[in-house]
Amino acid sequence: MSNLNAKLFSAADSLRSKMDASEYKDYLLGLIFYKYLSDKLLVKVVELADESPEEYNTQEKQTHLYRDLLADEDVKHDLIETLVDTLGHHMEPDYLFNVLADQAKQNTFQLNDLNKAFIDLSTKYDQFSGLFDDVDLTSKKLGSDDQQRNITISDVLKKLSEIDVIEHDGDVIGDAYEYLIGEFASEAGKKAGEFYTPSKVSDMMAQIVAIGQEDRKLFSVYDPTMGSGSLMLNVRNYNNHPESIKYHGQELNTTTYNLAKMNLILHGVRKEDMRVRNGDTLNKDWPTDEPYTFDSVLMNPPYSAKWSADQTFLDDSRFNRYGKLAPKSKADFSFLLHGFYHLKDSGTMAIVLPHGVLFRGAAEGVIRKKLLEDGSIDAVIGVPGNLFFGTSIPTTVIILKKNRNNRDVFFIDASKEFEKGKKQNKLTKENIDKVVETYKKRENLEKYAHLASFEEIKENDFNLNISRYIDTFEEEEPVDMAALGSSIQDIKKDKAELESSLYETISSLQYDKENEEWIKGALEVFNSEK
């Protein structure tokens, strides 16, 4: 796996010097995705032809077989139909990734052929529509003219051709793809917040929303700010029927939306099991038709984003129970209420937000009070600062449920337990396991967890600031003044001895006229300090 990751990332070298990570990821991920679709098709052709994989063990042989089968008019129609039924697509032999890569190696590759390949796939099959739009083969960043652009893309094709994505199953290549997204996020910095949630945070949230629902068949997950789709995909690791999970997601940024679609496909999610949309989550509710509630809701929305806060939203069924709208300058509670509205009565929701939602007043205070009075907030988990790309602020994961039989809130302060990194802090598996196990037990743990009753929360004026409920103050050990005094005396003694030694050394120096003034000045400084 690590070897695969290294090869994938090294393929970016041809692009890294030409553009920002936020741009070159579109080229590299688009081409990896295209290779995956192409290579998978060749393996399926050998299988459908009932030929031996040992005999057809190279892509050259597989391509010859594919061309021969398509040349037979009695076979061609059924073969294409079966490929579309099983894989969701077919490709012309001239557009196969390995064919284009071989042309690159022979210096006969033409950018226009790759462009035609993208168009052919995108226009024939709805699930690929728009997915390659960001692979702009005419961009001057690839080179000043067609020849230079040809050379740049040829280099990338040649490097990617060395990777055998089929020897890994769909999950593993999907995970490698996730690895690359994380690497690009690290380089892209602030821009990465649009599409990436660190894997360990994502993993923690996925575990929590799956608790008690592990055996549920036809499990559904919804992320209305889905980014790369990683939050949704992590849920499959904690459900006993991963092949039957239904994925529902929405994303405002078109490039990021395409990234999520590719990621879902690379993880082997079938067309009929994903319902994703490119749109504005807050300004227009979606989904509005069945199903519109889900077993789990996972969200990492943009923090304190602006939104319209138009008064007509007070009639919107997502917000009309709470008396106030989130302020224009901070849409945090709008995202939370949207996700909560789409949660099933038996489901669990987890959302990452800045700490301000726990204590800010005015309209946000009114919304928070109503959520607490309804018993909707199940837990508040404080996580460390500097975990997310593009922001160093500490964040909180809020867990919500419907129809709870009490109104207490379980607080966990996990903000002090992490692995410090050069750029970003990281949560370890042990950190995550502790949070999840503590959440399950729902018991007080000194300086780490506290179960607060509704009355306690009410006494705190519905302020959920974690420090009000968990005291993490560590008393410092009393200072031994006698030892401190003795230490100071020793330091003074050492200082005097060093100064005396240095004075003697300078005094004994042989020097010329040029340095006489400097030496005398240094000695005067010593004498004045005595």
Protein backbone atom coordinates (compact mmCIF):
# COMPACT_ATOMS: atom_id res chain seq x y z
CA MET A 1 0.00 0.00 0.00
CA SER A 2 2.73 2.48 0.92
CA ASN A 3 4.56 1.62 -2.32
CA LEU A 4 1.39 2.35 -4.29
CA ASN A 5 0.97 5.66 -2.46
CA ALA A 6 4.58 6.66 -3.19
CA LYS A 7 4.19 5.90 -6.90
CA LEU A 8 0.96 7.85 -7.13
CA PHE A 9 2.43 10.89 -5.45
CA SER A 10 5.66 10.79 -7.50
CA ALA A 11 3.53 11.08 -10.64
CA ALA A 12 2.71 14.63 -9.54
CA ASP A 13 6.33 15.73 -10.03
CA SER A 14 5.69 16.72 -13.64
CA LEU A 15 2.98 19.14 -12.50
CA ARG A 16 4.16 20.28 -9.07
CA SER A 17 6.48 23.01 -10.39
CA LYS A 18 3.88 24.37 -12.81
CA MET A 19 0.87 25.07 -10.58
CA ASP A 20 -0.54 25.02 -7.03
CA ALA A 21 -1.50 21.75 -5.38
CA SER A 22 -5.16 22.81 -5.45
CA GLU A 23 -4.90 22.86 -9.28
CA TYR A 24 -2.64 19.94 -10.12
CA LYS A 25 -4.68 17.57 -7.98
CA ASP A 26 -7.45 17.90 -10.58
CA TYR A 27 -5.15 16.63 -13.34
CA LEU A 28 -3.56 13.81 -11.40
CA LEU A 29 -6.73 12.52 -9.72
CA GLY A 30 -8.68 12.76 -12.98
CA LEU A 31 -6.04 10.71 -14.82
CA ILE A 32 -5.76 8.12 -12.02
CA PHE A 33 -9.53 7.75 -12.15
CA TYR A 34 -9.47 7.32 -15.93
CA LYS A 35 -6.74 4.67 -15.63
CA TYR A 36 -8.79 2.79 -13.04
CA LEU A 37 -11.85 2.69 -15.32
CA SER A 38 -9.74 1.58 -18.28
CA ASP A 39 -7.73 -1.11 -16.47
CA LYS A 40 -10.81 -2.53 -14.78
CA LEU A 41 -12.51 -2.86 -18.18
CA LEU A 42 -9.62 -4.92 -19.61
CA VAL A 43 -9.70 -7.35 -16.69
CA LYS A 44 -13.47 -7.72 -17.10
CA VAL A 45 -13.05 -8.41 -20.86
CA VAL A 46 -10.75 -11.37 -20.12
CA GLU A 47 -13.28 -12.66 -17.57
CA LEU A 48 -16.27 -12.31 -19.93
CA ALA A 49 -14.36 -14.01 -22.75
CA ASP A 50 -13.74 -16.90 -20.35
CA GLU A 51 -10.02 -16.69 -21.03
CA SER A 52 -7.18 -17.46 -18.62
CA PRO A 53 -5.80 -14.45 -16.68
CA GLU A 54 -2.44 -16.26 -16.67
CA GLU A 55 -2.41 -16.29 -20.49
CA TYR A 56 -3.67 -12.73 -20.84
CA ASN A 57 -1.32 -11.35 -18.22
CA THR A 58 -0.33 -8.08 -19.91
CA GLN A 59 -2.43 -5.12 -20.95
CA GLU A 60 -1.08 -5.47 -24.48
CA LYS A 61 -2.54 -8.99 -24.75
CA GLN A 62 -5.77 -7.89 -23.08
CA THR A 63 -6.15 -5.01 -25.54
CA HIS A 64 -5.59 -7.34 -28.53
CA LEU A 65 -8.31 -9.63 -27.16
CA TYR A 66 -10.67 -6.69 -26.72
CA ARG A 67 -10.07 -5.48 -30.30
CA ASP A 68 -10.62 -9.01 -31.68
CA LEU A 69 -13.90 -9.43 -29.79
CA LEU A 70 -15.21 -6.05 -30.96
CA ALA A 71 -14.27 -6.93 -34.55
CA ASP A 72 -16.66 -9.90 -34.38
CA GLU A 73 -20.12 -8.46 -35.11
CA ASP A 74 -21.81 -11.49 -33.49
CA VAL A 75 -20.02 -10.78 -30.20
CA LYS A 76 -19.66 -6.99 -30.18
CA HIS A 77 -23.20 -5.96 -29.13
CA ASP A 78 -23.50 -8.48 -26.27
CA LEU A 79 -19.99 -7.67 -25.02
CA ILE A 80 -20.64 -3.92 -24.83
CA GLU A 81 -24.04 -4.47 -23.21
CA THR A 82 -22.54 -6.77 -20.57
CA LEU A 83 -19.69 -4.36 -19.84
CA VAL A 84 -22.17 -1.53 -19.31
CA ASP A 85 -24.37 -3.74 -17.09
CA THR A 86 -21.49 -4.93 -14.90
CA LEU A 87 -19.10 -1.95 -14.89
CA GLY A 88 -21.41 0.90 -15.81
CA HIS A 89 -19.33 1.80 -18.89
CA HIS A 90 -17.37 0.65 -21.91
CA MET A 91 -14.54 2.37 -23.81
CA GLU A 92 -13.25 2.31 -27.37
CA PRO A 93 -9.92 0.42 -27.60
CA ASP A 94 -8.13 3.51 -28.99
CA TYR A 95 -9.14 5.43 -25.85
CA LEU A 96 -7.83 2.92 -23.31
CA PHE A 97 -5.36 4.44 -20.85
CA ASN A 98 -2.64 1.91 -21.66
CA VAL A 99 -2.94 2.63 -25.39
CA LEU A 100 -2.53 6.38 -24.78
CA ALA A 101 0.36 5.75 -22.36
CA ASP A 102 2.15 3.56 -24.95
CA GLN A 103 1.80 6.41 -27.44
CA ALA A 104 3.36 8.73 -24.85
CA LYS A 105 6.32 6.35 -24.51
CA GLN A 106 6.76 6.32 -28.31
CA ASN A 107 6.41 10.13 -28.54
CA THR A 108 3.31 9.81 -30.74
CA PHE A 109 0.75 10.83 -28.11
CA GLN A 110 -1.61 13.68 -29.01
CA LEU A 111 -3.53 15.67 -26.40
CA ASN A 112 -6.59 15.73 -28.60
CA ASP A 113 -6.90 11.92 -28.36
CA LEU A 114 -7.08 12.12 -24.56
CA ASN A 115 -9.61 14.93 -24.82
CA LYS A 116 -11.75 12.80 -27.16
CA ALA A 117 -11.46 9.92 -24.68
CA PHE A 118 -12.81 12.11 -21.86
CA ILE A 119 -15.66 13.42 -24.02
CA ASP A 120 -16.59 9.93 -25.21
CA LEU A 121 -16.92 8.59 -21.65
CA SER A 122 -18.63 11.71 -20.27
CA THR A 123 -21.28 11.96 -22.98
CA LYS A 124 -22.20 8.27 -23.09
CA TYR A 125 -22.68 7.76 -19.34
CA ASP A 126 -24.47 10.13 -16.95
CA GLN A 127 -22.36 9.13 -13.93
CA PHE A 128 -19.23 10.49 -15.63
CA SER A 129 -20.80 13.72 -16.89
CA GLY A 130 -18.56 16.67 -15.99
CA LEU A 131 -16.04 14.55 -14.07
CA PHE A 132 -13.16 15.44 -16.38
CA ASP A 133 -14.03 19.11 -16.87
CA ASP A 134 -11.24 20.24 -14.54
CA VAL A 135 -8.57 18.35 -16.48
CA ASP A 136 -8.00 21.37 -18.73
CA LEU A 137 -5.68 20.10 -21.45
CA THR A 138 -5.52 23.58 -23.05
CA SER A 139 -4.22 25.34 -19.92
CA LYS A 140 -1.07 27.38 -20.52
CA LYS A 141 0.13 26.24 -17.09
CA LEU A 142 0.86 22.86 -18.71
CA GLY A 143 3.05 24.60 -21.27
CA SER A 144 3.15 27.65 -23.51
CA ASP A 145 2.11 25.73 -26.66
CA ASP A 146 0.56 22.41 -27.70
CA GLN A 147 3.95 20.73 -27.95
CA GLN A 148 4.94 21.67 -24.39
CA ARG A 149 1.52 20.68 -23.05
CA ASN A 150 1.86 17.37 -24.89
CA ILE A 151 5.21 16.72 -23.21
CA THR A 152 3.86 17.53 -19.74
CA ILE A 153 0.85 15.21 -19.98
CA SER A 154 2.96 12.51 -21.66
CA ASP A 155 5.28 12.51 -18.64
CA VAL A 156 2.34 12.07 -16.26
CA LEU A 157 0.82 9.26 -18.37
CA LYS A 158 4.15 7.40 -18.44
CA LYS A 159 4.54 7.59 -14.66
CA LEU A 160 0.98 6.51 -13.97
CA SER A 161 1.29 3.59 -16.39
CA GLU A 162 3.76 1.94 -13.98
CA ILE A 163 1.03 1.52 -11.36
CA ASP A 164 -1.01 -1.69 -11.29
CA VAL A 165 -4.27 -0.50 -9.77
CA ILE A 166 -6.07 -3.77 -10.47
CA GLU A 167 -3.90 -5.99 -8.30
CA HIS A 168 -5.51 -4.08 -5.43
CA ASP A 169 -9.23 -4.35 -4.86
CA GLY A 170 -11.50 -1.32 -5.25
CA ASP A 171 -11.29 -0.40 -1.59
CA VAL A 172 -7.51 -0.24 -1.54
CA ILE A 173 -7.17 1.92 -4.64
CA GLY A 174 -9.94 4.08 -3.21
CA ASP A 175 -7.98 4.38 0.03
CA ALA A 176 -4.84 5.28 -1.92
CA TYR A 177 -6.90 7.95 -3.64
CA GLU A 178 -7.92 9.23 -0.21
CA TYR A 179 -4.24 9.27 0.76
CA LEU A 180 -3.48 11.49 -2.23
CA ILE A 181 -6.34 13.83 -1.37
CA GLY A 182 -4.82 14.20 2.09
CA GLU A 183 -1.36 14.87 0.62
CA PHE A 184 -2.77 17.51 -1.70
CA ALA A 185 -4.71 19.01 1.18
CA SER A 186 -1.46 19.38 3.12
CA GLU A 187 0.12 21.30 0.24
CA ALA A 188 -3.00 23.26 -0.65
CA GLY A 189 -3.32 24.65 2.89
CA LYS A 190 -6.35 26.84 3.42
CA LYS A 191 -8.03 25.79 0.17
CA ALA A 192 -8.07 22.20 1.40
CA GLY A 193 -10.81 22.93 3.91
CA GLU A 194 -13.23 22.81 1.00
CA PHE A 195 -12.81 19.11 0.46
CA TYR A 196 -10.99 17.24 3.20
CA THR A 197 -11.61 16.07 6.76
CA PRO A 198 -8.54 14.46 8.43
CA SER A 199 -8.97 10.69 8.37
CA LYS A 200 -8.84 10.12 12.14
CA VAL A 201 -11.53 12.75 12.83
CA SER A 202 -13.62 11.22 10.07
CA ASP A 203 -13.06 7.76 11.53
CA MET A 204 -14.15 8.85 15.02
CA MET A 205 -17.37 10.40 13.70
CA ALA A 206 -18.17 7.35 11.56
CA GLN A 207 -17.74 5.00 14.53
CA ILE A 208 -20.06 7.06 16.71
CA VAL A 209 -22.91 7.37 14.19
CA ALA A 210 -22.77 3.61 13.57
CA ILE A 211 -23.12 2.64 17.24
CA GLY A 212 -26.23 0.48 17.67
CA GLN A 213 -26.82 0.38 13.92
CA GLU A 214 -24.02 -2.00 12.91
CA ASP A 215 -26.44 -4.73 11.76
CA ARG A 216 -28.87 -2.44 9.97
CA LYS A 217 -29.34 -3.49 6.36
CA LEU A 218 -29.85 -0.81 3.70
CA PHE A 219 -28.11 1.63 6.02
CA SER A 220 -28.23 5.20 4.69
CA VAL A 221 -25.73 8.02 5.21
CA TYR A 222 -26.11 11.70 4.30
CA ASP A 223 -23.52 14.47 4.09
CA PRO A 224 -24.91 17.79 2.82
CA THR A 225 -21.40 19.33 2.69
CA MET A 226 -19.69 16.20 1.45
CA GLY A 227 -16.33 17.53 0.18
CA SER A 228 -14.34 14.52 -1.06
CA GLY A 229 -16.93 12.10 0.34
CA SER A 230 -14.55 10.62 2.92
CA LEU A 231 -16.92 11.09 5.87
CA MET A 232 -19.62 9.02 4.17
CA LEU A 233 -17.23 6.33 2.99
CA ASN A 234 -15.79 5.76 6.47
CA VAL A 235 -19.18 4.57 7.73
CA ARG A 236 -18.85 1.37 5.68
CA ASN A 237 -16.01 0.26 7.99
CA TYR A 238 -18.45 0.03 10.91
CA ASN A 239 -21.49 -1.57 9.29
CA ASN A 240 -21.84 -5.33 8.84
CA HIS A 241 -23.50 -4.91 5.44
CA PRO A 242 -21.20 -2.39 3.66
CA GLU A 243 -22.28 -3.55 0.22
CA SER A 244 -25.84 -2.32 0.81
CA ILE A 245 -25.11 1.18 2.19
CA LYS A 246 -26.85 4.03 0.37
CA TYR A 247 -24.86 7.27 0.00
CA HIS A 248 -26.55 10.67 -0.26
CA GLY A 249 -24.53 13.87 -0.51
CA GLN A 250 -24.48 17.44 -1.71
CA GLU A 251 -21.59 19.80 -2.45
CA LEU A 252 -21.58 23.43 -3.58
CA ASN A 253 -18.13 23.50 -5.23
CA THR A 254 -18.36 21.77 -8.64
CA THR A 255 -14.73 20.62 -8.67
CA THR A 256 -15.07 19.13 -5.20
CA TYR A 257 -18.39 17.53 -6.14
CA ASN A 258 -16.67 15.76 -9.05
CA LEU A 259 -13.90 14.67 -6.69
CA ALA A 260 -16.46 13.06 -4.37
CA LYS A 261 -18.14 11.21 -7.25
CA MET A 262 -14.80 9.82 -8.40
CA ASN A 263 -13.94 8.81 -4.84
CA LEU A 264 -17.23 6.94 -4.39
CA ILE A 265 -16.77 5.10 -7.69
CA LEU A 266 -13.16 4.20 -6.82
CA HIS A 267 -14.41 2.72 -3.56
CA GLY A 268 -16.67 0.42 -5.57
CA VAL A 269 -19.95 2.23 -4.82
CA ARG A 270 -22.48 1.32 -7.50
CA LYS A 271 -24.36 3.96 -9.47
CA GLU A 272 -27.69 2.92 -7.92
CA ASP A 273 -26.29 3.24 -4.38
CA MET A 274 -25.22 6.88 -4.68
CA ARG A 275 -27.42 9.93 -4.92
CA VAL A 276 -25.26 13.04 -5.00
CA ARG A 277 -25.97 16.59 -6.08
CA ASN A 278 -24.02 19.72 -6.96
CA GLY A 279 -25.90 22.51 -5.18
CA ASP A 280 -26.25 25.01 -2.32
CA THR A 281 -27.31 23.13 0.81
CA LEU A 282 -28.65 26.12 2.74
CA ASN A 283 -30.42 28.18 0.11
CA LYS A 284 -32.52 25.34 -1.24
CA ASP A 285 -33.40 22.22 0.76
CA TRP A 286 -32.40 18.86 -0.70
CA PRO A 287 -33.47 16.12 -0.80
CA THR A 288 -37.16 16.89 -0.67
CA ASP A 289 -38.45 13.62 -2.13
CA GLU A 290 -38.19 10.18 -0.53
CA PRO A 291 -35.92 9.25 1.05
CA TYR A 292 -35.23 12.56 2.75
CA THR A 293 -34.29 11.26 6.22
CA PHE A 294 -31.30 9.03 6.90
CA ASP A 295 -29.84 6.60 9.46
CA SER A 296 -26.75 8.75 9.87
CA VAL A 297 -25.79 12.32 9.07
CA LEU A 298 -22.13 13.39 8.99
CA MET A 299 -20.98 16.95 8.38
CA ASN A 300 -17.87 19.10 8.36
CA PRO A 301 -19.28 22.36 6.94
CA PRO A 302 -17.27 25.53 6.28
CA TYR A 303 -16.84 27.28 9.63
CA SER A 304 -18.70 30.54 10.27
CA ALA A 305 -19.60 30.91 6.59
CA LYS A 306 -21.89 33.69 5.41
CA TRP A 307 -25.42 32.95 4.20
CA SER A 308 -28.47 35.01 3.25
CA ALA A 309 -30.45 34.56 6.52
CA ASP A 310 -33.49 35.78 4.59
CA GLN A 311 -36.56 36.03 6.83
CA THR A 312 -38.50 33.73 4.50
CA PHE A 313 -36.39 30.89 5.95
CA LEU A 314 -38.42 31.23 9.17
CA ASP A 315 -41.16 29.37 7.25
CA ASP A 316 -38.70 26.69 6.10
CA SER A 317 -39.43 23.34 7.77
CA ARG A 318 -35.72 22.96 8.57
CA PHE A 319 -35.60 26.11 10.71
CA ASN A 320 -39.15 27.10 11.72
CA ARG A 321 -39.15 25.28 15.09
CA TYR A 322 -36.28 27.29 16.53
CA GLY A 323 -37.64 30.84 16.61
CA LYS A 324 -34.53 32.48 15.14
CA LEU A 325 -32.24 32.11 12.15
CA ALA A 326 -28.48 31.78 12.40
CA PRO A 327 -26.87 35.20 11.78
CA LYS A 328 -25.78 36.18 8.27
CA SER A 329 -22.12 36.16 9.26
CA LYS A 330 -22.18 32.71 10.89
CA ALA A 331 -24.13 29.91 9.19
CA ASP A 332 -22.93 27.23 11.64
CA PHE A 333 -26.34 26.54 13.17
CA SER A 334 -28.01 26.65 9.75
CA PHE A 335 -25.85 23.72 8.66
CA LEU A 336 -26.53 21.90 11.93
CA LEU A 337 -30.30 22.34 11.70
CA HIS A 338 -30.34 21.32 8.03
CA GLY A 339 -28.53 18.07 8.83
CA PHE A 340 -30.65 17.40 11.90
CA TYR A 341 -33.88 17.86 9.92
CA HIS A 342 -32.76 15.07 7.56
CA LEU A 343 -31.94 12.63 10.39
CA LYS A 344 -34.24 9.66 11.02
CA ASP A 345 -35.88 9.38 14.45
CA SER A 346 -33.66 6.35 15.13
CA GLY A 347 -30.48 7.84 13.65
CA THR A 348 -27.35 9.62 14.90
CA MET A 349 -25.74 12.80 13.59
CA ALA A 350 -22.15 14.06 14.04
CA ILE A 351 -21.04 17.53 12.97
CA VAL A 352 -17.72 19.40 13.33
CA LEU A 353 -18.06 23.09 14.24
CA PRO A 354 -16.00 25.87 15.86
CA HIS A 355 -16.35 26.26 19.64
CA GLY A 356 -18.34 29.48 19.27
CA VAL A 357 -21.56 27.53 18.70
CA LEU A 358 -21.30 26.27 22.28
CA PHE A 359 -21.53 29.67 23.96
CA ARG A 360 -22.38 32.52 21.56
CA GLY A 361 -25.56 34.39 22.47
CA ALA A 362 -28.26 36.30 20.55
CA ALA A 363 -29.98 34.17 17.85
CA GLU A 364 -27.49 31.32 18.27
CA GLY A 365 -28.26 31.22 21.99
CA VAL A 366 -31.99 30.92 21.24
CA ILE A 367 -31.41 28.04 18.80
CA ARG A 368 -29.05 26.25 21.20
CA LYS A 369 -31.54 26.57 24.09
CA LYS A 370 -34.34 25.06 21.97
CA LEU A 371 -32.13 22.14 20.93
CA LEU A 372 -31.25 21.49 24.59
CA GLU A 373 -34.87 21.77 25.76
CA ASP A 374 -35.83 19.22 23.10
CA GLY A 375 -33.04 16.89 24.28
CA SER A 376 -31.53 16.91 20.78
CA ILE A 377 -27.89 17.39 21.80
CA ASP A 378 -26.53 14.05 22.94
CA ALA A 379 -22.82 14.83 23.36
CA VAL A 380 -20.18 17.53 22.92
CA ILE A 381 -16.64 16.40 22.16
CA GLY A 382 -13.74 18.87 22.26
CA VAL A 383 -10.92 17.94 19.87
CA PRO A 384 -7.42 19.47 19.63
CA GLY A 385 -6.56 22.61 17.73
CA ASN A 386 -4.55 22.61 14.50
CA LEU A 387 -6.05 19.33 13.26
CA PHE A 388 -7.63 20.70 10.11
CA PHE A 389 -5.86 22.05 7.05
CA GLY A 390 -6.23 25.80 6.74
CA THR A 391 -7.24 26.57 10.34
CA SER A 392 -5.53 26.16 13.70
CA ILE A 393 -8.65 26.75 15.81
CA PRO A 394 -9.81 24.01 18.17
CA THR A 395 -13.10 22.47 17.07
CA THR A 396 -15.91 20.49 18.61
CA VAL A 397 -17.82 17.45 17.38
CA ILE A 398 -21.48 17.67 18.37
CA ILE A 399 -23.56 14.48 18.45
CA LEU A 400 -27.33 14.83 17.97
CA LYS A 401 -30.24 12.41 18.25
CA LYS A 402 -34.02 12.59 18.05
CA ASN A 403 -36.58 11.28 20.54
CA ARG A 404 -34.16 10.76 23.43
CA ASN A 405 -35.75 9.85 26.77
CA ASN A 406 -33.70 12.46 28.68
CA ARG A 407 -32.06 15.83 28.15
CA ASP A 408 -28.61 15.33 29.65
CA VAL A 409 -25.47 16.09 27.63
CA PHE A 410 -22.27 14.07 27.75
CA PHE A 411 -19.09 16.16 27.55
CA ILE A 412 -15.69 14.79 26.47
CA ASP A 413 -12.57 16.96 26.50
CA ALA A 414 -10.15 15.20 24.15
CA SER A 415 -8.34 18.43 23.30
CA LYS A 416 -5.18 17.63 25.25
CA GLU A 417 -4.52 14.19 23.80
CA PHE A 418 -2.91 14.16 20.35
CA GLU A 419 0.32 13.62 18.46
CA LYS A 420 2.07 16.88 17.67
CA GLY A 421 3.14 17.33 14.05
CA LYS A 422 5.27 19.89 12.22
CA LYS A 423 2.34 21.41 10.34
CA GLN A 424 -0.77 19.72 11.72
CA ASN A 425 -1.49 17.91 14.93
CA LYS A 426 -2.80 14.36 14.57
CA LEU A 427 -5.12 12.08 16.49
CA THR A 428 -3.80 8.56 17.01
CA LYS A 429 -5.83 5.34 16.99
CA GLU A 430 -5.47 5.26 20.79
CA ASN A 431 -6.86 8.80 21.05
CA ILE A 432 -9.87 7.84 18.91
CA ASP A 433 -10.49 4.55 20.73
CA LYS A 434 -10.55 6.38 24.06
CA VAL A 435 -13.12 8.91 22.81
CA VAL A 436 -15.40 6.23 21.35
CA GLU A 437 -15.21 3.92 24.38
CA THR A 438 -15.81 6.84 26.75
CA TYR A 439 -18.80 7.94 24.65
CA LYS A 440 -20.28 4.43 24.80
CA LYS A 441 -19.93 4.18 28.60
CA ARG A 442 -21.31 7.68 29.20
CA GLU A 443 -19.66 7.85 32.62
CA ASN A 444 -17.72 10.61 34.38
CA LEU A 445 -13.96 10.44 33.98
CA GLU A 446 -11.85 12.90 35.91
CA LYS A 447 -10.51 15.76 33.78
CA TYR A 448 -11.81 14.03 30.62
CA ALA A 449 -15.56 13.37 30.63
CA HIS A 450 -18.69 14.56 32.46
CA LEU A 451 -22.37 13.70 32.16
CA ALA A 452 -24.25 16.97 32.75
CA SER A 453 -27.92 16.93 33.72
CA PHE A 454 -30.38 19.29 32.07
CA GLU A 455 -30.67 21.20 35.36
CA GLU A 456 -26.90 21.72 35.43
CA ILE A 457 -26.98 23.02 31.86
CA LYS A 458 -29.91 25.28 32.71
CA GLU A 459 -27.98 26.70 35.68
CA ASN A 460 -25.21 27.56 33.22
CA ASP A 461 -27.70 29.54 31.09
CA PHE A 462 -27.52 26.88 28.36
CA ASN A 463 -23.86 27.66 27.79
CA LEU A 464 -22.11 24.48 26.58
CA ASN A 465 -18.53 25.69 26.89
CA ILE A 466 -16.70 22.48 27.79
CA SER A 467 -14.54 24.10 30.49
CA ARG A 468 -17.71 24.81 32.51
CA TYR A 469 -18.32 21.09 32.89
CA ILE A 470 -14.84 19.54 32.86
CA ASP A 471 -12.07 20.96 35.01
CA THR A 472 -8.77 20.21 33.33
CA PHE A 473 -6.73 22.52 35.57
CA GLU A 474 -3.54 20.88 36.77
CA GLU A 475 -2.10 22.23 40.02
CA GLU A 476 1.58 22.97 39.83
CA GLU A 477 3.83 21.35 42.39
CA PRO A 478 4.79 23.77 45.22
CA VAL A 479 8.16 25.42 44.69
CA ASP A 480 10.96 24.39 47.10
CA MET A 481 12.26 27.89 47.92
CA ALA A 482 15.35 26.60 49.78
CA ALA A 483 16.38 24.48 46.78
CA LEU A 484 15.65 27.38 44.42
CA GLY A 485 17.84 29.74 46.55
CA SER A 486 20.67 27.22 46.60
CA SER A 487 20.40 26.79 42.82
CA ILE A 488 20.59 30.58 42.30
CA GLN A 489 23.74 30.77 44.47
CA ASP A 490 25.36 27.97 42.45
CA ILE A 491 24.53 29.79 39.20
CA LYS A 492 26.02 33.05 40.55
CA LYS A 493 29.18 31.20 41.60
CA ASP A 494 29.52 29.55 38.16
CA LYS A 495 28.95 32.93 36.49
CA ALA A 496 31.71 34.59 38.58
CA GLU A 497 34.15 31.78 37.79
CA LEU A 498 33.40 32.01 34.06
CA GLU A 499 33.82 35.80 34.05
CA SER A 500 37.14 35.52 35.90
CA SER A 501 38.40 32.91 33.46
CA LEU A 502 37.30 34.98 30.49
CA TYR A 503 38.98 38.13 31.95
CA GLU A 504 42.28 36.27 32.38
CA THR A 505 42.07 34.90 28.83
CA ILE A 506 41.45 38.33 27.30
CA SER A 507 44.19 39.91 29.46
CA SER A 508 46.76 37.41 28.24
CA LEU A 509 45.95 37.89 24.55
CA GLN A 510 48.66 39.21 22.22
CA TYR A 511 47.16 41.88 19.97
CA ASP A 512 48.22 44.47 17.41
CA LYS A 513 47.45 48.19 17.26
CA GLU A 514 44.36 47.56 15.14
CA ASN A 515 42.66 45.52 17.94
CA GLU A 516 44.04 47.46 20.94
CA GLU A 517 40.93 49.61 21.35
CA TRP A 518 38.60 46.58 21.24
CA ILE A 519 40.59 44.66 23.89
CA LYS A 520 40.74 47.65 26.26
CA GLY A 521 37.01 48.19 25.87
CA ALA A 522 36.26 44.55 26.72
CA LEU A 523 38.44 44.70 29.84
CA GLU A 524 36.76 47.94 30.97
CA VAL A 525 33.36 46.22 30.73
CA PHE A 526 34.56 43.44 33.05
CA ASN A 527 36.03 45.95 35.54
CA SER A 528 32.85 48.04 35.61
CA GLU A 529 30.72 44.95 36.42
CA LYS A 530 32.90 43.88 39.38
